[in-house]
Amino acid sequence: MSQVPIEGPRQPAIVILDFGSQYSELIARRVRETEVFSVVLGYSTSVEELRQIAPKGIILSGGPSSVYADGAPLCDPQIWSMGIPVLGVCYGMQLMVQQLGGRVVAATGKAEYGKAPLEVDDPTDLLTNVNNGSTMWMSHGDSVEALPEGFVRLAHTANTPEAAVANHDRQLYGVQFHPEVVHSTCGMAMIRNFVYHICGCEPDWTTATFIEEAVKQIRDQVGDKRVLLALSGGVDSSTLAFLLKKAIGDQLTCMFIDQGFMRKGEPEFLMDFFDRKFNIHVEYIKARQRFLTKLKDVTDPEQKRKIIGTEFIRVFEEESNRLGPFDYLAQGTLYPDVIESAGTNVDPKTGERVAVKIKSHHNVGGLPKDLQFKLVEPLRKLFKDEVRKVGRSLGLPEEIVRRHPFPGPGLAIRILGEVTAEKLDCLRDADLIVREEVKEAGLYHDIWQAFAVLLPVRSVGVMGDKRTYAWPIVLRCVSSEDGMTADWSRLPYDLMETISNRIVNEVKGVNRVVLDITSKPPGTIEWE
């Protein structure tokens, strides 16, 4: 991914150039929390391209490389002369210093990782309202040894003399820590200072403005043509259904394809909710056996995703011929889907971005080349939390807005190995118990996702006087803000005990429940 495309009438006020940091997307989210639109682009984006976008400010992300190493990723050096404020974060600060004549070296004392108190030397501009001694999150093994001409120190820590620096005249700023992470107590104050006071941005990225612009963009793109939407019942496709209904009314036809991988009772809920309660017409397509047949003997998770994604499109094409014609297919693709499917790694030897795919999102990477629809993807600029805000503004009820995310391929990727009808029934029952008990404990809205996973192995157990040889269920509960990073949720022991007892006693074919305590990274939220 050289860069994520800029689409639609709104140009970003703040551009983040990504040097391979795991926090680049988080920087974009933090800027958007100030109601200022931002996007992530590749570090090799040229000054000419940036001038066409005309941002009011640029943020350089962190990254795993050292600026003095051979093949280190470098930005266009003309950026420093654009007359646009620039904020360098960690690697971005070191790159700024190095390219402007300063010196960056491997830390001769202690490297800094984790929390450190910040001592403020200049409480103006970038550090306005930043408390002296506030906690900042450090993650660096290199340090600035000498500042370029015209730069001054803004703050320091015990191990980092130049923790924040600036050239006030040129509006160039750098910090050797991560203001975007929640561990940095005054980090948002710095981001607001940069966005509002230094760059002069206006807080105009709101749900109301997004809806207004999206409706206009949809109408301009679609005209009087008909649109087909694959409705899953999740917050993404549900918000999209409400948005499209507002924009084009009866030109929209929603299609729910029951591929057999939904949670228990969801097909019935979906039809009742949209078709009957909100008068959004939904065509119900029964295709369980068709999908199950396609997945026979398939065990590779990436292949599962591609097969399911392709089969979705095939069903769309067949049903559109029956119901259509349809010119457009609407998808609830989100910004993290676009970024993650494209890949965000940087090759430390060449400095080029490497398209290392974490997984194919069925909305992005799994589409066949002979797709017969044009795509409508008005949510692809948004993060998940922003979609929820848009959904609320459109009148989507809380029971949909606050539902846990659910993967497009459904339970098929929560069954490791081959997918069978027996395994699906087993996992559906176990998953329902997990969600019921988490809701009963009042924790559903405190957790990003809570679900069950079925492993393709069997272990010995004892039930009554009988020996059993059955599957284990993995309990997966994580906390997150946007799904880009996540930590395992510390559920109360008595809740986990209740879940385990119910699953073992009520779900046929299961004799063991285990808990996944892996964060993302290094793991992913879904198992596959």
Protein backbone atom coordinates (compact mmCIF):
# COMPACT_ATOMS: atom_id res chain seq x y z
CA MET A 1 0.00 0.00 0.00
CA SER A 2 1.70 3.16 -1.12
CA GLN A 3 -1.15 5.15 0.28
CA VAL A 4 -4.85 4.92 1.09
CA PRO A 5 -6.86 6.71 -1.61
CA ILE A 6 -8.59 9.98 -0.82
CA GLU A 7 -12.17 9.72 -2.00
CA GLY A 8 -15.14 12.03 -2.09
CA PRO A 9 -15.50 15.78 -1.84
CA ARG A 10 -13.87 16.25 1.58
CA GLN A 11 -10.09 16.50 1.72
CA PRO A 12 -8.29 15.76 4.99
CA ALA A 13 -7.22 18.71 7.10
CA ILE A 14 -4.47 16.61 8.70
CA VAL A 15 -2.43 13.98 6.86
CA ILE A 16 -0.55 11.28 8.78
CA LEU A 17 2.45 9.85 6.93
CA ASP A 18 2.95 6.27 8.06
CA PHE A 19 6.48 4.91 8.60
CA GLY A 20 5.29 1.50 9.74
CA SER A 21 4.08 2.32 13.24
CA GLN A 22 1.39 0.18 14.87
CA TYR A 23 -0.10 3.47 16.11
CA SER A 24 -0.49 5.35 12.80
CA GLU A 25 -4.22 4.65 12.56
CA LEU A 26 -4.60 5.57 16.21
CA ILE A 27 -3.11 9.00 15.48
CA ALA A 28 -5.78 9.47 12.80
CA ARG A 29 -8.50 8.48 15.26
CA ARG A 30 -7.23 10.91 17.90
CA VAL A 31 -7.23 13.76 15.38
CA ARG A 32 -10.78 12.85 14.36
CA GLU A 33 -11.81 12.95 18.02
CA THR A 34 -11.11 16.68 17.80
CA GLU A 35 -13.72 16.73 14.96
CA VAL A 36 -11.05 17.32 12.32
CA PHE A 37 -10.83 14.95 9.35
CA SER A 38 -7.56 13.06 8.96
CA VAL A 39 -6.24 10.15 6.87
CA VAL A 40 -3.17 7.92 6.81
CA LEU A 41 -0.95 7.97 3.72
CA GLY A 42 2.29 6.17 2.87
CA TYR A 43 5.54 7.84 3.92
CA SER A 44 6.64 8.12 0.25
CA THR A 45 3.75 10.45 -0.62
CA SER A 46 5.32 13.27 -2.63
CA VAL A 47 5.09 16.98 -1.96
CA GLU A 48 3.22 17.34 -5.26
CA GLU A 49 0.57 14.90 -4.05
CA LEU A 50 0.37 16.65 -0.70
CA ARG A 51 -0.08 20.02 -2.37
CA GLN A 52 -3.04 18.61 -4.32
CA ILE A 53 -4.60 17.49 -1.03
CA ALA A 54 -3.70 20.84 0.61
CA PRO A 55 -3.77 19.73 4.26
CA LYS A 56 -3.41 22.25 7.05
CA GLY A 57 -0.95 20.04 8.89
CA ILE A 58 1.14 16.89 8.58
CA ILE A 59 1.99 14.33 11.25
CA LEU A 60 4.87 11.91 10.78
CA SER A 61 4.28 8.62 12.58
CA GLY A 62 6.68 6.48 14.53
CA GLY A 63 8.24 3.38 13.06
CA PRO A 64 10.55 0.42 13.75
CA SER A 65 13.54 1.67 11.75
CA SER A 66 16.54 3.85 12.69
CA VAL A 67 16.88 7.00 10.61
CA TYR A 68 20.65 6.54 10.24
CA ALA A 69 20.37 2.93 8.98
CA ASP A 70 20.81 1.97 5.33
CA GLY A 71 17.45 1.86 3.58
CA ALA A 72 15.60 3.72 6.34
CA PRO A 73 12.20 4.99 5.11
CA LEU A 74 12.43 8.69 4.28
CA CYS A 75 9.82 11.30 3.44
CA ASP A 76 10.12 13.84 0.65
CA PRO A 77 12.63 16.37 2.08
CA GLN A 78 10.69 19.24 0.50
CA ILE A 79 8.03 18.70 3.18
CA TRP A 80 10.03 20.90 5.56
CA SER A 81 9.74 23.83 3.13
CA MET A 82 6.02 23.59 2.35
CA GLY A 83 5.08 26.20 4.92
CA ILE A 84 2.69 23.67 6.54
CA PRO A 85 3.03 22.79 10.25
CA VAL A 86 4.60 19.37 10.80
CA LEU A 87 4.58 17.23 13.94
CA GLY A 88 7.03 14.33 14.12
CA VAL A 89 6.23 11.49 16.53
CA CYS A 90 9.15 9.27 17.67
CA TYR A 91 10.70 8.10 14.37
CA GLY A 92 9.01 11.10 12.73
CA MET A 93 10.81 13.47 15.10
CA GLN A 94 14.14 11.73 14.54
CA LEU A 95 13.66 11.94 10.77
CA MET A 96 12.91 15.65 11.05
CA VAL A 97 16.06 16.23 13.09
CA GLN A 98 18.27 14.12 10.81
CA GLN A 99 17.08 15.62 7.52
CA LEU A 100 17.37 19.19 8.80
CA GLY A 101 20.98 18.85 9.91
CA GLY A 102 20.77 17.50 13.45
CA ARG A 103 22.08 14.18 14.69
CA VAL A 104 20.34 11.01 15.88
CA VAL A 105 22.27 8.17 17.50
CA ALA A 106 21.62 4.92 19.30
CA ALA A 107 20.93 5.72 22.96
CA THR A 108 24.18 5.55 24.92
CA GLY A 109 22.37 5.51 28.25
CA LYS A 110 19.09 3.75 28.92
CA ALA A 111 16.54 3.30 26.21
CA GLU A 112 13.00 4.26 27.20
CA TYR A 113 10.02 1.96 26.90
CA GLY A 114 6.78 2.52 28.78
CA LYS A 115 5.72 5.35 31.04
CA ALA A 116 7.95 8.30 31.90
CA PRO A 117 7.22 11.67 33.59
CA LEU A 118 7.63 14.65 31.25
CA GLU A 119 9.44 17.74 32.49
CA VAL A 120 8.12 20.76 30.58
CA ASP A 121 10.71 23.43 29.69
CA ASP A 122 8.54 25.57 27.39
CA PRO A 123 4.79 25.47 28.22
CA THR A 124 3.70 27.28 25.04
CA ASP A 125 2.40 26.28 21.60
CA LEU A 126 2.52 22.47 21.46
CA LEU A 127 2.75 22.06 25.24
CA THR A 128 0.07 24.53 26.26
CA ASN A 129 -2.01 23.03 29.12
CA VAL A 130 0.37 20.06 29.38
CA ASN A 131 1.06 19.51 33.06
CA ASN A 132 4.64 19.35 34.24
CA GLY A 133 5.34 15.79 35.35
CA SER A 134 2.51 14.31 33.28
CA THR A 135 2.96 10.73 32.12
CA MET A 136 4.02 10.06 28.52
CA TRP A 137 4.40 6.71 26.76
CA MET A 138 7.95 6.15 25.51
CA SER A 139 9.10 3.56 22.98
CA HIS A 140 12.53 4.31 21.53
CA GLY A 141 16.11 3.05 21.45
CA ASP A 142 17.52 6.03 19.51
CA SER A 143 17.91 9.59 20.77
CA VAL A 144 18.55 13.08 19.41
CA GLU A 145 22.13 14.04 20.17
CA ALA A 146 22.18 17.43 18.44
CA LEU A 147 19.32 19.67 17.30
CA PRO A 148 19.20 21.35 13.88
CA GLU A 149 19.76 25.10 13.67
CA GLY A 150 16.71 27.04 14.84
CA PHE A 151 15.31 24.24 17.04
CA VAL A 152 14.81 24.52 20.79
CA ARG A 153 13.97 22.08 23.55
CA LEU A 154 10.36 22.03 24.76
CA ALA A 155 10.56 19.18 27.29
CA HIS A 156 12.80 16.43 28.63
CA THR A 157 12.67 13.24 30.69
CA ALA A 158 15.23 11.63 32.97
CA ASN A 159 16.69 9.58 30.09
CA THR A 160 15.82 11.79 27.09
CA PRO A 161 17.18 15.36 27.06
CA GLU A 162 15.27 16.25 23.87
CA ALA A 163 11.86 14.69 24.56
CA ALA A 164 10.01 17.49 22.71
CA VAL A 165 11.51 20.03 20.34
CA ALA A 166 10.39 22.83 18.04
CA ASN A 167 11.37 25.34 15.43
CA HIS A 168 8.68 27.90 16.22
CA ASP A 169 9.40 30.09 13.19
CA ARG A 170 8.97 27.21 10.73
CA GLN A 171 6.18 25.54 12.78
CA LEU A 172 8.08 22.26 12.96
CA TYR A 173 7.55 20.17 16.10
CA GLY A 174 8.73 16.81 17.35
CA VAL A 175 8.02 14.56 20.33
CA GLN A 176 9.99 11.48 21.37
CA PHE A 177 6.89 9.81 22.84
CA HIS A 178 3.40 8.74 21.75
CA PRO A 179 0.77 11.39 22.60
CA GLU A 180 -1.89 9.33 20.78
CA VAL A 181 -1.96 6.39 23.25
CA VAL A 182 -4.22 6.43 26.30
CA HIS A 183 -1.22 5.99 28.61
CA SER A 184 -0.04 9.53 27.77
CA THR A 185 -2.10 11.58 30.21
CA CYS A 186 -1.88 14.92 28.40
CA GLY A 187 -1.49 13.48 24.92
CA MET A 188 -4.84 14.73 23.65
CA ALA A 189 -3.99 18.23 24.87
CA MET A 190 -0.94 18.17 22.57
CA ILE A 191 -2.93 16.88 19.64
CA ARG A 192 -5.54 19.59 20.14
CA ASN A 193 -2.81 22.22 20.39
CA PHE A 194 -1.30 21.06 17.10
CA VAL A 195 -4.62 20.66 15.27
CA TYR A 196 -6.38 23.81 16.50
CA HIS A 197 -3.80 26.39 17.59
CA ILE A 198 -0.85 25.55 15.35
CA CYS A 199 -2.61 24.32 12.18
CA GLY A 200 -5.72 26.48 12.58
CA CYS A 201 -8.19 23.68 11.82
CA GLU A 202 -11.91 24.04 12.45
CA PRO A 203 -13.93 21.30 14.19
CA ASP A 204 -16.11 20.41 11.20
CA TRP A 205 -15.78 16.60 11.01
CA THR A 206 -19.04 15.66 12.75
CA THR A 207 -21.62 12.96 12.19
CA ALA A 208 -24.03 15.56 10.86
CA THR A 209 -21.57 16.84 8.25
CA PHE A 210 -20.55 13.31 7.32
CA ILE A 211 -24.17 12.26 6.75
CA GLU A 212 -24.89 15.38 4.70
CA GLU A 213 -21.81 14.83 2.51
CA ALA A 214 -22.36 11.07 2.23
CA VAL A 215 -25.99 11.49 1.14
CA LYS A 216 -24.95 13.93 -1.56
CA GLN A 217 -22.09 11.70 -2.70
CA ILE A 218 -24.36 8.64 -2.88
CA ARG A 219 -26.99 10.52 -4.89
CA ASP A 220 -24.35 11.91 -7.26
CA GLN A 221 -22.78 8.48 -7.76
CA VAL A 222 -25.95 6.42 -8.06
CA GLY A 223 -28.31 8.81 -9.80
CA ASP A 224 -31.59 7.02 -10.49
CA LYS A 225 -30.02 3.54 -10.53
CA ARG A 226 -30.88 0.73 -8.13
CA VAL A 227 -28.56 -0.42 -5.34
CA LEU A 228 -28.25 -3.87 -3.79
CA LEU A 229 -26.99 -4.15 -0.19
CA ALA A 230 -25.88 -7.32 1.53
CA LEU A 231 -27.41 -6.96 4.97
CA SER A 232 -25.82 -8.89 7.84
CA GLY A 233 -27.48 -7.19 10.80
CA GLY A 234 -24.21 -5.88 12.21
CA VAL A 235 -23.68 -2.20 12.95
CA ASP A 236 -21.80 -1.58 9.69
CA SER A 237 -24.34 -2.94 7.21
CA SER A 238 -27.25 -1.71 9.36
CA THR A 239 -25.89 1.85 9.46
CA LEU A 240 -25.29 1.64 5.72
CA ALA A 241 -28.88 0.47 5.15
CA PHE A 242 -30.25 3.46 7.08
CA LEU A 243 -27.89 5.84 5.26
CA LEU A 244 -28.82 4.49 1.83
CA LYS A 245 -32.52 4.57 2.70
CA LYS A 246 -32.13 8.25 3.58
CA ALA A 247 -30.20 8.98 0.38
CA ILE A 248 -32.06 6.99 -2.27
CA GLY A 249 -35.20 5.59 -0.64
CA ASP A 250 -36.84 2.77 -2.60
CA GLN A 251 -33.91 2.52 -5.02
CA LEU A 252 -32.37 0.37 -2.28
CA THR A 253 -32.96 -3.36 -2.03
CA CYS A 254 -31.41 -5.21 0.90
CA MET A 255 -30.60 -8.85 0.55
CA PHE A 256 -29.94 -11.15 3.47
CA ILE A 257 -28.16 -14.30 2.37
CA ASP A 258 -28.48 -16.96 5.00
CA GLN A 259 -25.18 -18.71 4.36
CA GLY A 260 -25.54 -20.78 7.52
CA PHE A 261 -22.76 -19.08 9.44
CA MET A 262 -24.83 -16.60 11.48
CA ARG A 263 -25.31 -16.64 15.24
CA LYS A 264 -28.30 -18.45 16.68
CA GLY A 265 -31.64 -16.76 15.96
CA GLU A 266 -30.11 -13.95 13.91
CA PRO A 267 -31.86 -14.60 10.56
CA GLU A 268 -35.27 -14.38 12.25
CA PHE A 269 -34.26 -11.27 14.21
CA LEU A 270 -32.93 -9.58 11.11
CA MET A 271 -36.05 -10.03 9.03
CA ASP A 272 -38.32 -8.89 11.83
CA PHE A 273 -36.22 -5.85 12.67
CA PHE A 274 -35.63 -4.32 9.23
CA ASP A 275 -38.52 -5.57 7.14
CA ARG A 276 -41.29 -5.21 9.69
CA LYS A 277 -40.17 -2.57 12.20
CA PHE A 278 -38.41 -0.12 9.87
CA ASN A 279 -39.96 -0.91 6.48
CA ILE A 280 -36.60 -1.48 4.81
CA HIS A 281 -37.32 -4.19 2.27
CA VAL A 282 -35.15 -7.27 2.73
CA GLU A 283 -35.02 -10.23 0.35
CA TYR A 284 -34.35 -13.43 2.34
CA ILE A 285 -32.16 -15.90 0.45
CA LYS A 286 -31.72 -19.42 1.82
CA ALA A 287 -28.30 -20.71 0.77
CA ARG A 288 -26.94 -22.70 3.73
CA GLN A 289 -26.26 -25.95 1.90
CA ARG A 290 -24.67 -24.15 -1.04
CA PHE A 291 -22.04 -22.47 1.13
CA LEU A 292 -21.42 -25.56 3.23
CA THR A 293 -20.79 -27.62 0.10
CA LYS A 294 -18.26 -25.06 -1.16
CA LEU A 295 -16.30 -25.34 2.11
CA LYS A 296 -16.13 -29.13 2.16
CA ASP A 297 -12.56 -30.27 2.99
CA VAL A 298 -11.35 -26.63 3.16
CA THR A 299 -9.22 -25.91 6.24
CA ASP A 300 -7.11 -22.86 5.30
CA PRO A 301 -8.68 -19.69 6.84
CA GLU A 302 -7.66 -17.40 4.00
CA GLN A 303 -9.17 -19.81 1.49
CA LYS A 304 -12.37 -19.93 3.54
CA ARG A 305 -12.67 -16.15 3.42
CA LYS A 306 -12.11 -16.03 -0.32
CA ILE A 307 -14.54 -18.85 -1.05
CA ILE A 308 -17.25 -17.26 1.10
CA GLY A 309 -16.63 -13.80 -0.37
CA THR A 310 -16.72 -15.11 -3.90
CA GLU A 311 -19.86 -17.16 -3.26
CA PHE A 312 -21.55 -14.07 -1.79
CA ILE A 313 -20.94 -12.21 -5.02
CA ARG A 314 -22.12 -15.16 -7.09
CA VAL A 315 -25.39 -15.28 -5.14
CA PHE A 316 -25.77 -11.52 -5.53
CA GLU A 317 -25.34 -11.82 -9.26
CA GLU A 318 -27.89 -14.62 -9.56
CA GLU A 319 -30.46 -12.93 -7.33
CA SER A 320 -29.95 -9.55 -8.97
CA ASN A 321 -30.79 -11.12 -12.31
CA ARG A 322 -34.01 -12.33 -10.73
CA LEU A 323 -34.85 -9.13 -8.86
CA GLY A 324 -32.94 -6.48 -10.80
CA PRO A 325 -31.35 -5.15 -12.75
CA PHE A 326 -29.00 -3.60 -10.17
CA ASP A 327 -26.09 -1.39 -11.16
CA TYR A 328 -24.51 -0.94 -7.73
CA LEU A 329 -23.48 -3.12 -4.82
CA ALA A 330 -23.24 -1.34 -1.47
CA GLN A 331 -20.67 -2.54 1.07
CA GLY A 332 -19.96 -1.57 4.67
CA THR A 333 -16.21 -1.40 4.17
CA LEU A 334 -14.53 0.59 6.95
CA TYR A 335 -11.23 2.45 7.07
CA PRO A 336 -9.38 -0.22 9.11
CA ASP A 337 -10.51 -2.81 6.54
CA VAL A 338 -8.89 -0.78 3.77
CA ILE A 339 -5.66 -0.25 5.69
CA GLU A 340 -5.34 -3.78 7.06
CA SER A 341 -6.14 -5.51 3.78
CA ALA A 342 -3.58 -3.38 1.95
CA GLY A 343 -0.83 -4.07 4.46
CA THR A 344 1.14 -1.52 6.47
CA ASN A 345 4.63 -2.98 6.86
CA VAL A 346 7.87 -1.26 5.88
CA ASP A 347 10.83 -3.23 4.55
CA PRO A 348 13.78 -2.00 6.67
CA LYS A 349 16.21 -2.87 3.86
CA THR A 350 14.49 -1.07 1.01
CA GLY A 351 12.37 1.45 2.88
CA GLU A 352 9.38 0.43 0.77
CA ARG A 353 5.99 -0.59 2.07
CA VAL A 354 5.35 -4.31 1.94
CA ALA A 355 1.83 -5.53 1.25
CA VAL A 356 1.82 -8.19 3.95
CA LYS A 357 -1.83 -9.11 4.27
CA ILE A 358 -3.03 -9.94 7.77
CA LYS A 359 -6.27 -11.34 6.40
CA SER A 360 -8.58 -10.75 3.47
CA HIS A 361 -11.64 -8.82 4.52
CA HIS A 362 -14.59 -10.07 2.53
CA ASN A 363 -15.48 -6.43 1.83
CA VAL A 364 -12.03 -5.68 0.37
CA GLY A 365 -9.70 -8.48 -0.60
CA GLY A 366 -12.06 -11.31 -1.49
CA LEU A 367 -13.88 -9.80 -4.47
CA PRO A 368 -13.55 -11.68 -7.77
CA LYS A 369 -12.08 -9.87 -10.76
CA ASP A 370 -15.24 -10.36 -12.83
CA LEU A 371 -17.45 -8.45 -10.40
CA GLN A 372 -20.53 -7.25 -12.31
CA PHE A 373 -21.49 -4.47 -9.90
CA LYS A 374 -20.08 -1.04 -9.32
CA LEU A 375 -19.31 -0.50 -5.64
CA VAL A 376 -20.86 2.02 -3.26
CA GLU A 377 -18.79 2.26 -0.06
CA PRO A 378 -19.71 5.47 1.79
CA LEU A 379 -18.37 4.22 5.15
CA ARG A 380 -14.83 3.45 4.01
CA LYS A 381 -13.51 6.67 5.58
CA LEU A 382 -14.81 5.73 9.04
CA PHE A 383 -13.55 3.82 12.04
CA LYS A 384 -15.94 1.56 13.94
CA ASP A 385 -16.66 4.07 16.72
CA GLU A 386 -17.48 6.69 14.10
CA VAL A 387 -19.91 4.30 12.38
CA ARG A 388 -21.73 3.86 15.68
CA LYS A 389 -22.07 7.63 16.03
CA VAL A 390 -23.43 7.89 12.50
CA GLY A 391 -25.86 5.05 13.20
CA ARG A 392 -27.22 6.83 16.26
CA SER A 393 -27.62 10.06 14.31
CA LEU A 394 -29.60 8.17 11.66
CA GLY A 395 -31.95 6.75 14.29
CA LEU A 396 -30.54 3.24 14.53
CA PRO A 397 -31.62 1.71 17.87
CA GLU A 398 -29.03 0.98 20.56
CA GLU A 399 -29.61 -2.76 20.30
CA ILE A 400 -28.02 -2.59 16.84
CA VAL A 401 -25.56 0.28 17.39
CA ARG A 402 -23.91 -1.39 20.36
CA ARG A 403 -23.83 -4.94 19.04
CA HIS A 404 -20.46 -6.62 19.09
CA PRO A 405 -18.61 -6.82 15.76
CA PHE A 406 -19.13 -10.01 13.79
CA PRO A 407 -16.87 -11.15 10.93
CA GLY A 408 -18.31 -11.25 7.43
CA PRO A 409 -17.60 -15.00 7.01
CA GLY A 410 -19.34 -15.53 10.34
CA LEU A 411 -18.86 -18.68 12.37
CA ALA A 412 -17.01 -20.32 9.49
CA ILE A 413 -13.77 -18.68 10.59
CA ARG A 414 -14.44 -19.34 14.27
CA ILE A 415 -14.36 -23.03 13.47
CA LEU A 416 -10.74 -23.98 12.91
CA GLY A 417 -10.34 -26.62 10.26
CA GLU A 418 -13.18 -27.95 8.13
CA VAL A 419 -16.64 -26.47 8.63
CA THR A 420 -19.49 -28.96 9.06
CA ALA A 421 -23.16 -28.66 10.00
CA GLU A 422 -22.49 -30.48 13.27
CA LYS A 423 -19.71 -28.10 14.25
CA LEU A 424 -21.84 -25.09 13.31
CA ASP A 425 -24.70 -26.22 15.52
CA CYS A 426 -22.27 -26.86 18.36
CA LEU A 427 -20.59 -23.47 18.07
CA ARG A 428 -23.90 -21.62 17.68
CA ASP A 429 -25.13 -23.03 20.99
CA ALA A 430 -21.85 -22.29 22.81
CA ASP A 431 -21.66 -18.76 21.39
CA LEU A 432 -25.20 -17.99 22.51
CA ILE A 433 -24.35 -19.03 26.07
CA VAL A 434 -21.30 -16.74 26.10
CA ARG A 435 -23.35 -13.74 24.98
CA GLU A 436 -26.25 -14.49 27.29
CA GLU A 437 -24.06 -14.73 30.38
CA VAL A 438 -21.97 -11.65 29.52
CA LYS A 439 -25.20 -9.67 29.09
CA GLU A 440 -26.65 -11.09 32.31
CA ALA A 441 -23.51 -9.94 34.15
CA GLY A 442 -23.98 -6.40 32.80
CA LEU A 443 -20.65 -6.48 30.94
CA TYR A 444 -21.78 -6.68 27.32
CA HIS A 445 -21.18 -2.99 26.57
CA ASP A 446 -17.84 -2.96 28.43
CA ILE A 447 -16.42 -5.61 26.09
CA TRP A 448 -15.52 -5.11 22.41
CA GLN A 449 -16.22 -8.73 21.46
CA ALA A 450 -17.26 -11.84 23.39
CA PHE A 451 -17.57 -15.10 21.51
CA ALA A 452 -16.70 -18.79 21.32
CA VAL A 453 -14.27 -20.63 19.06
CA LEU A 454 -14.36 -24.32 18.17
CA LEU A 455 -11.02 -26.13 17.85
CA PRO A 456 -10.58 -29.11 15.47
CA VAL A 457 -9.17 -31.41 18.17
CA ARG A 458 -10.74 -33.73 20.72
CA SER A 459 -9.74 -34.46 24.28
CA VAL A 460 -10.76 -36.98 26.90
CA GLY A 461 -13.27 -36.02 29.58
CA VAL A 462 -15.56 -37.67 32.08
CA MET A 463 -19.30 -37.06 32.39
CA GLY A 464 -21.03 -39.16 35.02
CA ASP A 465 -19.54 -42.62 34.71
CA LYS A 466 -18.80 -42.27 31.01
CA ARG A 467 -15.60 -41.40 29.23
CA THR A 468 -16.05 -38.65 26.63
CA TYR A 469 -13.95 -37.68 23.66
CA ALA A 470 -15.15 -34.26 22.56
CA TRP A 471 -14.23 -30.79 21.29
CA PRO A 472 -12.90 -27.89 23.34
CA ILE A 473 -14.47 -24.43 23.15
CA VAL A 474 -12.26 -21.35 23.43
CA LEU A 475 -13.72 -18.37 25.27
CA ARG A 476 -12.52 -15.16 23.59
CA CYS A 477 -13.39 -11.79 25.19
CA VAL A 478 -11.43 -8.66 24.32
CA SER A 479 -11.54 -4.95 25.14
CA SER A 480 -10.73 -2.40 22.44
CA GLU A 481 -11.63 1.04 21.13
CA ASP A 482 -11.54 0.38 17.40
CA GLY A 483 -10.36 -3.18 16.82
CA MET A 484 -6.90 -2.08 15.66
CA THR A 485 -5.41 -3.14 19.01
CA ALA A 486 -7.09 -5.15 21.78
CA ASP A 487 -6.47 -6.66 25.19
CA TRP A 488 -8.16 -9.69 26.72
CA SER A 489 -11.00 -8.82 29.08
CA ARG A 490 -10.55 -9.71 32.75
CA LEU A 491 -13.88 -11.42 33.32
CA PRO A 492 -14.87 -12.29 36.91
CA TYR A 493 -14.00 -15.87 37.84
CA ASP A 494 -17.57 -16.73 38.78
CA LEU A 495 -18.78 -15.54 35.35
CA MET A 496 -16.22 -17.69 33.55
CA GLU A 497 -17.21 -20.62 35.74
CA THR A 498 -20.89 -20.15 34.87
CA ILE A 499 -20.10 -19.95 31.14
CA SER A 500 -17.94 -23.06 31.29
CA ASN A 501 -20.49 -25.09 33.27
CA ARG A 502 -23.34 -24.15 30.95
CA ILE A 503 -21.40 -24.94 27.77
CA VAL A 504 -20.19 -28.33 29.00
CA ASN A 505 -23.63 -29.29 30.31
CA GLU A 506 -25.82 -27.87 27.53
CA VAL A 507 -23.78 -28.11 24.31
CA LYS A 508 -23.55 -31.54 22.74
CA GLY A 509 -20.04 -32.53 21.65
CA VAL A 510 -18.09 -30.28 24.06
CA ASN A 511 -16.33 -31.41 27.24
CA ARG A 512 -13.81 -28.63 27.86
CA VAL A 513 -13.70 -24.78 27.89
CA VAL A 514 -10.44 -22.82 27.74
CA LEU A 515 -9.72 -19.07 27.95
CA ASP A 516 -7.70 -17.06 25.41
CA ILE A 517 -5.63 -14.37 27.17
CA THR A 518 -3.73 -13.10 24.12
CA SER A 519 -3.71 -9.41 23.18
CA LYS A 520 -3.66 -7.90 19.67
CA PRO A 521 -0.83 -7.68 18.77
CA PRO A 522 0.68 -10.28 18.77
CA GLY A 523 -2.55 -12.21 18.14
CA THR A 524 -5.62 -11.17 16.19
CA ILE A 525 -9.07 -10.82 17.73
CA GLU A 526 -10.51 -13.60 15.60
CA TRP A 527 -8.85 -17.01 15.73
CA GLU A 528 -9.27 -18.50 12.25
